Amino acid sequence: MFLDDNELIGAIPTELGDMNYLSIFTAENNNLIGSIPSELARIEMLDTVLLSGNSLEGSIPDELCMRDIDMLRIDSTVMCGCCSKYSNENYTIDHENIFSDHFQ
């Protein structure tokens, strides 16, 4: 599902977790707010989540961190915490395909 640059406003719907065959969810450069829903971890085929350029906050859900996601990009968001699976000294690192320039 490619939703980049569509001026979307609001939260990421938790109902996306019911989309069993979704492998890519990209909604970069919109006006999404709130947190990344933990329900995304229910999507067995999901391997790419690209959400940079939004106003997301909170932390990456533990359920999503435990998944074998190939790419999770959240740069230019205001996220706190990190996925311990992808972190080094509590900050995300680029070579694991997770990016953030606003981790607190």
N, C-alpha and C. Protein backbone atom coordinates (compact mmCIF):
# COMPACT_ATOMS: atom_id res chain seq x y z
N MET A 1 0.85 -1.16 0.00
CA MET A 1 0.00 0.00 0.00
C MET A 1 0.90 1.23 0.00
N PHE A 2 0.83 2.01 -1.04
CA PHE A 2 1.67 3.18 -1.21
C PHE A 2 0.83 4.45 -1.07
N LEU A 3 1.01 5.18 0.02
CA LEU A 3 0.21 6.36 0.32
C LEU A 3 1.08 7.60 0.53
N ASP A 4 2.28 7.61 -0.02
CA ASP A 4 3.18 8.74 0.15
C ASP A 4 2.61 10.02 -0.48
N ASP A 5 2.89 11.15 0.19
CA ASP A 5 2.60 12.49 -0.35
C ASP A 5 1.13 12.67 -0.75
N ASN A 6 0.22 12.18 0.07
CA ASN A 6 -1.21 12.31 -0.23
C ASN A 6 -1.94 13.27 0.70
N GLU A 7 -1.20 14.02 1.51
CA GLU A 7 -1.78 14.97 2.45
C GLU A 7 -2.79 14.31 3.40
N LEU A 8 -2.51 13.05 3.76
CA LEU A 8 -3.36 12.34 4.71
C LEU A 8 -3.23 12.98 6.09
N ILE A 9 -4.35 13.06 6.80
CA ILE A 9 -4.38 13.70 8.11
C ILE A 9 -5.00 12.71 9.10
N GLY A 10 -4.41 12.62 10.29
CA GLY A 10 -4.99 11.79 11.33
C GLY A 10 -4.10 10.64 11.73
N ALA A 11 -4.68 9.70 12.46
CA ALA A 11 -3.94 8.56 12.98
C ALA A 11 -3.91 7.42 11.96
N ILE A 12 -2.91 6.56 12.10
CA ILE A 12 -2.85 5.35 11.28
C ILE A 12 -3.93 4.41 11.80
N PRO A 13 -4.84 3.96 10.95
CA PRO A 13 -5.95 3.12 11.43
C PRO A 13 -5.45 1.77 11.96
N THR A 14 -5.96 1.38 13.10
CA THR A 14 -5.60 0.09 13.68
C THR A 14 -6.11 -1.05 12.81
N GLU A 15 -7.15 -0.80 12.00
CA GLU A 15 -7.73 -1.82 11.13
C GLU A 15 -6.75 -2.32 10.08
N LEU A 16 -5.66 -1.60 9.85
CA LEU A 16 -4.64 -2.09 8.92
C LEU A 16 -4.12 -3.46 9.36
N GLY A 17 -4.18 -3.73 10.65
CA GLY A 17 -3.74 -5.02 11.17
C GLY A 17 -4.55 -6.19 10.65
N ASP A 18 -5.69 -5.92 10.03
CA ASP A 18 -6.54 -6.98 9.46
C ASP A 18 -6.22 -7.27 8.00
N MET A 19 -5.28 -6.55 7.43
CA MET A 19 -4.92 -6.72 6.02
C MET A 19 -3.83 -7.79 5.91
N ASN A 20 -4.25 -9.04 5.90
CA ASN A 20 -3.33 -10.18 5.98
C ASN A 20 -2.28 -10.25 4.89
N TYR A 21 -2.55 -9.72 3.72
CA TYR A 21 -1.64 -9.88 2.60
C TYR A 21 -0.84 -8.62 2.29
N LEU A 22 -0.85 -7.68 3.20
CA LEU A 22 -0.10 -6.44 3.03
C LEU A 22 1.37 -6.71 3.31
N SER A 23 2.24 -6.44 2.35
CA SER A 23 3.68 -6.64 2.58
C SER A 23 4.42 -5.32 2.71
N ILE A 24 3.90 -4.27 2.08
CA ILE A 24 4.54 -2.95 2.15
C ILE A 24 3.49 -1.93 2.57
N PHE A 25 3.81 -1.17 3.60
CA PHE A 25 2.96 -0.05 4.00
C PHE A 25 3.84 1.19 4.03
N THR A 26 3.62 2.07 3.09
CA THR A 26 4.38 3.31 3.03
C THR A 26 3.42 4.49 2.97
N ALA A 27 3.58 5.38 3.94
CA ALA A 27 2.73 6.57 4.04
C ALA A 27 3.61 7.75 4.45
N GLU A 28 4.68 7.94 3.72
CA GLU A 28 5.62 9.00 4.05
C GLU A 28 5.11 10.36 3.59
N ASN A 29 5.59 11.40 4.27
CA ASN A 29 5.32 12.80 3.91
C ASN A 29 3.83 13.13 3.85
N ASN A 30 3.14 12.78 4.92
CA ASN A 30 1.74 13.13 5.10
C ASN A 30 1.62 13.92 6.41
N ASN A 31 0.46 13.96 6.98
CA ASN A 31 0.23 14.64 8.24
C ASN A 31 -0.33 13.66 9.27
N LEU A 32 0.28 12.48 9.32
CA LEU A 32 -0.17 11.45 10.27
C LEU A 32 0.30 11.81 11.67
N ILE A 33 -0.58 11.57 12.64
CA ILE A 33 -0.29 11.89 14.04
C ILE A 33 -0.53 10.65 14.90
N GLY A 34 -0.15 10.75 16.15
CA GLY A 34 -0.37 9.64 17.06
C GLY A 34 0.80 8.69 17.03
N SER A 35 0.53 7.46 17.37
CA SER A 35 1.59 6.46 17.44
C SER A 35 1.43 5.42 16.33
N ILE A 36 2.46 4.60 16.18
CA ILE A 36 2.39 3.49 15.24
C ILE A 36 1.56 2.40 15.92
N PRO A 37 0.47 1.97 15.32
CA PRO A 37 -0.38 0.98 15.98
C PRO A 37 0.30 -0.39 16.09
N SER A 38 0.19 -0.99 17.25
CA SER A 38 0.77 -2.33 17.47
C SER A 38 0.10 -3.37 16.59
N GLU A 39 -1.11 -3.09 16.12
CA GLU A 39 -1.85 -4.02 15.27
C GLU A 39 -1.12 -4.33 13.96
N LEU A 40 -0.21 -3.46 13.54
CA LEU A 40 0.55 -3.73 12.32
C LEU A 40 1.35 -5.02 12.45
N ALA A 41 1.72 -5.38 13.66
CA ALA A 41 2.51 -6.60 13.88
C ALA A 41 1.71 -7.87 13.56
N ARG A 42 0.39 -7.77 13.48
CA ARG A 42 -0.44 -8.94 13.16
C ARG A 42 -0.36 -9.32 11.69
N ILE A 43 0.14 -8.43 10.85
CA ILE A 43 0.20 -8.68 9.41
C ILE A 43 1.42 -9.56 9.13
N GLU A 44 1.17 -10.82 8.90
CA GLU A 44 2.26 -11.79 8.75
C GLU A 44 3.18 -11.49 7.59
N MET A 45 2.68 -10.97 6.49
CA MET A 45 3.50 -10.72 5.31
C MET A 45 4.21 -9.37 5.33
N LEU A 46 3.91 -8.52 6.29
CA LEU A 46 4.46 -7.17 6.33
C LEU A 46 5.97 -7.22 6.52
N ASP A 47 6.70 -6.61 5.58
CA ASP A 47 8.16 -6.57 5.73
C ASP A 47 8.75 -5.18 5.53
N THR A 48 7.92 -4.20 5.13
CA THR A 48 8.39 -2.84 4.94
C THR A 48 7.36 -1.87 5.49
N VAL A 49 7.83 -0.96 6.38
CA VAL A 49 6.98 0.09 6.94
C VAL A 49 7.75 1.39 6.81
N LEU A 50 7.27 2.31 5.99
CA LEU A 50 7.93 3.59 5.76
C LEU A 50 6.99 4.71 6.18
N LEU A 51 7.37 5.44 7.22
CA LEU A 51 6.48 6.45 7.80
C LEU A 51 7.18 7.79 8.06
N SER A 52 8.30 8.03 7.42
CA SER A 52 9.02 9.28 7.67
C SER A 52 8.21 10.47 7.17
N GLY A 53 8.55 11.64 7.70
CA GLY A 53 7.89 12.86 7.26
C GLY A 53 6.48 13.03 7.77
N ASN A 54 6.19 12.50 8.95
CA ASN A 54 4.89 12.66 9.60
C ASN A 54 5.10 13.22 11.00
N SER A 55 4.05 13.38 11.74
CA SER A 55 4.14 13.89 13.11
C SER A 55 3.81 12.78 14.10
N LEU A 56 4.35 11.61 13.86
CA LEU A 56 4.12 10.48 14.76
C LEU A 56 4.92 10.67 16.04
N GLU A 57 4.40 10.12 17.13
CA GLU A 57 5.09 10.22 18.41
C GLU A 57 4.89 8.94 19.20
N GLY A 58 5.50 8.86 20.33
CA GLY A 58 5.43 7.63 21.12
C GLY A 58 6.62 6.77 20.81
N SER A 59 6.47 5.48 21.01
CA SER A 59 7.58 4.57 20.74
C SER A 59 7.15 3.53 19.71
N ILE A 60 8.12 2.86 19.15
CA ILE A 60 7.84 1.79 18.21
C ILE A 60 7.26 0.64 19.02
N PRO A 61 6.09 0.13 18.65
CA PRO A 61 5.47 -0.95 19.44
C PRO A 61 6.39 -2.17 19.56
N ASP A 62 6.46 -2.72 20.77
CA ASP A 62 7.27 -3.92 21.01
C ASP A 62 6.89 -5.05 20.06
N GLU A 63 5.60 -5.18 19.79
CA GLU A 63 5.13 -6.25 18.92
C GLU A 63 5.73 -6.14 17.52
N LEU A 64 5.90 -4.90 17.06
CA LEU A 64 6.50 -4.69 15.75
C LEU A 64 8.01 -4.92 15.80
N CYS A 65 8.62 -4.59 16.91
CA CYS A 65 10.06 -4.81 17.08
C CYS A 65 10.41 -6.28 17.06
N MET A 66 9.52 -7.12 17.52
CA MET A 66 9.79 -8.56 17.57
C MET A 66 9.63 -9.22 16.22
N ARG A 67 9.02 -8.53 15.27
CA ARG A 67 8.82 -9.07 13.93
C ARG A 67 10.10 -8.97 13.11
N ASP A 68 10.19 -9.74 12.06
CA ASP A 68 11.33 -9.70 11.17
C ASP A 68 11.01 -8.75 10.02
N ILE A 69 11.04 -7.46 10.32
CA ILE A 69 10.75 -6.42 9.35
C ILE A 69 12.04 -6.09 8.60
N ASP A 70 11.99 -6.08 7.27
CA ASP A 70 13.17 -5.76 6.47
C ASP A 70 13.53 -4.29 6.54
N MET A 71 12.52 -3.40 6.51
CA MET A 71 12.80 -1.97 6.56
C MET A 71 11.71 -1.26 7.33
N LEU A 72 12.14 -0.48 8.31
CA LEU A 72 11.25 0.39 9.08
C LEU A 72 11.90 1.76 9.08
N ARG A 73 11.25 2.72 8.42
CA ARG A 73 11.83 4.07 8.32
C ARG A 73 10.88 5.06 8.97
N ILE A 74 11.39 5.78 9.95
CA ILE A 74 10.57 6.74 10.70
C ILE A 74 11.30 8.07 10.89
N ASP A 75 12.27 8.39 10.03
CA ASP A 75 12.97 9.66 10.19
C ASP A 75 12.02 10.83 9.98
N SER A 76 12.39 11.96 10.52
CA SER A 76 11.57 13.18 10.49
C SER A 76 10.25 12.99 11.22
N THR A 77 10.25 12.16 12.25
CA THR A 77 9.11 12.03 13.15
C THR A 77 9.62 12.35 14.55
N VAL A 78 8.73 12.44 15.50
CA VAL A 78 9.12 12.69 16.89
C VAL A 78 8.80 11.44 17.68
N MET A 79 9.66 10.45 17.58
CA MET A 79 9.48 9.18 18.28
C MET A 79 10.43 9.15 19.47
N CYS A 80 10.03 8.49 20.54
CA CYS A 80 10.93 8.30 21.67
C CYS A 80 11.11 6.80 21.87
N GLY A 81 12.18 6.44 22.52
CA GLY A 81 12.46 5.03 22.72
C GLY A 81 13.01 4.43 21.45
N CYS A 82 13.08 3.13 21.44
CA CYS A 82 13.63 2.47 20.27
C CYS A 82 13.27 1.00 20.29
N CYS A 83 13.55 0.36 19.20
CA CYS A 83 13.47 -1.09 19.11
C CYS A 83 14.81 -1.63 19.57
N SER A 84 14.83 -2.36 20.66
CA SER A 84 16.11 -2.88 21.14
C SER A 84 16.75 -3.79 20.10
N LYS A 85 15.94 -4.44 19.29
CA LYS A 85 16.46 -5.31 18.24
C LYS A 85 17.32 -4.55 17.25
N TYR A 86 17.01 -3.27 17.04
CA TYR A 86 17.68 -2.47 16.03
C TYR A 86 18.50 -1.33 16.63
N SER A 87 18.77 -1.36 17.90
CA SER A 87 19.37 -0.18 18.51
C SER A 87 20.80 -0.40 18.97
N ASN A 88 21.44 0.70 19.18
CA ASN A 88 22.78 0.74 19.75
C ASN A 88 22.79 1.92 20.70
N GLU A 89 22.96 1.69 21.97
CA GLU A 89 22.96 2.74 22.99
C GLU A 89 21.65 3.54 22.98
N ASN A 90 20.53 2.85 22.82
CA ASN A 90 19.19 3.43 22.85
C ASN A 90 18.87 4.39 21.71
N TYR A 91 19.65 4.37 20.67
CA TYR A 91 19.34 5.16 19.48
C TYR A 91 19.36 4.25 18.27
N THR A 92 18.51 4.52 17.33
CA THR A 92 18.48 3.66 16.16
C THR A 92 19.72 3.92 15.31
N ILE A 93 20.09 2.92 14.54
CA ILE A 93 21.27 3.04 13.71
C ILE A 93 20.92 2.77 12.26
N ASP A 94 21.54 3.49 11.38
CA ASP A 94 21.18 3.46 9.97
C ASP A 94 21.37 2.09 9.34
N HIS A 95 22.41 1.36 9.67
CA HIS A 95 22.68 0.13 8.93
C HIS A 95 21.66 -0.96 9.19
N GLU A 96 20.74 -0.76 10.10
CA GLU A 96 19.66 -1.72 10.33
C GLU A 96 18.38 -1.31 9.61
N ASN A 97 18.45 -0.31 8.76
CA ASN A 97 17.32 0.17 7.97
C ASN A 97 16.22 0.79 8.82
N ILE A 98 16.56 1.26 9.99
CA ILE A 98 15.64 2.09 10.78
C ILE A 98 16.32 3.42 10.93
N PHE A 99 15.61 4.48 10.59
CA PHE A 99 16.22 5.79 10.61
C PHE A 99 15.34 6.73 11.43
N SER A 100 15.95 7.56 12.22
CA SER A 100 15.22 8.62 12.90
C SER A 100 16.21 9.71 13.28
N ASP A 101 15.87 10.93 12.99
CA ASP A 101 16.74 12.02 13.40
C ASP A 101 16.14 12.80 14.57
N HIS A 102 15.06 12.29 15.16
CA HIS A 102 14.42 12.98 16.28
C HIS A 102 14.13 12.05 17.45
N PHE A 103 14.89 10.97 17.60
CA PHE A 103 14.67 10.10 18.76
C PHE A 103 15.07 10.84 20.01
N GLN A 104 14.28 10.70 21.08
CA GLN A 104 14.56 11.38 22.33
C GLN A 104 14.94 10.39 23.40
